[in-house]
Amino acid sequence: MFNVFVKKQGQYSPDMVGEFSNINDAVALATSLKEKDETISYTIEETSGHFDSYGEPISTVVRRG
């Protein structure tokens, strides 16, 4: 699964705006949001379905913009 997070300027933590099974769909959403508002930044993370010792899902950053 690929999760798309968006952070607006002055915001402390990013908001998740979408969850996709296909990386191309995640990139398309992230780039369209960035085109609409240049002040935001996005992160796309891939989750593997595994969890760490604290119960948090293990994820890897795939792309930032």
Protein backbone atom coordinates (compact mmCIF):
# COMPACT_ATOMS: atom_id res chain seq x y z
CA MET A 1 0.00 0.00 0.00
CA PHE A 2 1.13 3.52 -0.75
CA ASN A 3 0.06 6.37 1.52
CA VAL A 4 0.13 10.01 0.43
CA PHE A 5 0.73 12.62 3.14
CA VAL A 6 0.43 16.38 2.59
CA LYS A 7 1.91 19.04 4.85
CA LYS A 8 0.89 22.67 4.55
CA GLN A 9 3.17 25.53 5.50
CA GLY A 10 3.00 26.22 9.24
CA GLN A 11 1.38 22.86 9.98
CA TYR A 12 3.09 20.63 12.55
CA SER A 13 2.13 17.19 11.22
CA PRO A 14 1.11 16.03 7.75
CA ASP A 15 -2.38 14.82 6.85
CA MET A 16 -2.97 11.55 5.01
CA VAL A 17 -4.95 12.33 1.85
CA GLY A 18 -4.98 8.96 0.14
CA GLU A 19 -4.12 5.28 0.25
CA PHE A 20 -3.41 3.42 -2.99
CA SER A 21 -2.36 -0.04 -4.11
CA ASN A 22 -0.67 1.38 -7.23
CA ILE A 23 2.30 3.77 -7.02
CA ASN A 24 1.26 5.56 -10.22
CA ASP A 25 -2.08 6.57 -8.70
CA ALA A 26 -0.34 7.88 -5.57
CA VAL A 27 2.14 9.93 -7.62
CA ALA A 28 -0.66 11.31 -9.80
CA LEU A 29 -2.60 12.55 -6.75
CA ALA A 30 0.48 14.03 -5.09
CA THR A 31 1.63 15.90 -8.18
CA SER A 32 -1.86 17.24 -8.91
CA LEU A 33 -2.12 18.58 -5.35
CA LYS A 34 1.32 20.16 -5.66
CA GLU A 35 0.35 21.83 -8.96
CA LYS A 36 -2.74 23.36 -7.33
CA ASP A 37 -0.84 24.70 -4.29
CA GLU A 38 2.93 25.22 -4.55
CA THR A 39 3.30 25.87 -0.79
CA ILE A 40 2.51 22.28 0.23
CA SER A 41 4.93 19.40 0.44
CA TYR A 42 4.04 15.74 0.01
CA THR A 43 5.47 12.40 1.03
CA ILE A 44 4.58 9.02 -0.42
CA GLU A 45 5.27 6.06 1.87
CA GLU A 46 5.04 2.36 1.15
CA THR A 47 3.79 0.15 3.98
CA SER A 48 4.76 -3.50 4.08
CA GLY A 49 2.09 -4.78 6.47
CA HIS A 50 4.66 -5.39 9.22
CA PHE A 51 4.76 -3.62 12.59
CA ASP A 52 7.60 -2.54 14.88
CA SER A 53 7.83 -3.35 18.59
CA TYR A 54 5.65 -0.32 19.44
CA GLY A 55 2.82 -1.48 17.17
CA GLU A 56 3.48 1.19 14.54
CA PRO A 57 3.38 0.13 10.89
CA ILE A 58 6.78 -0.05 9.21
CA SER A 59 6.92 2.21 6.17
CA THR A 60 9.49 3.36 3.65
CA VAL A 61 9.52 6.78 2.02
CA VAL A 62 9.23 6.33 -1.74
CA ARG A 63 9.02 9.94 -2.92
CA ARG A 64 8.96 13.50 -1.57
CA GLY A 65 8.11 16.71 -3.27
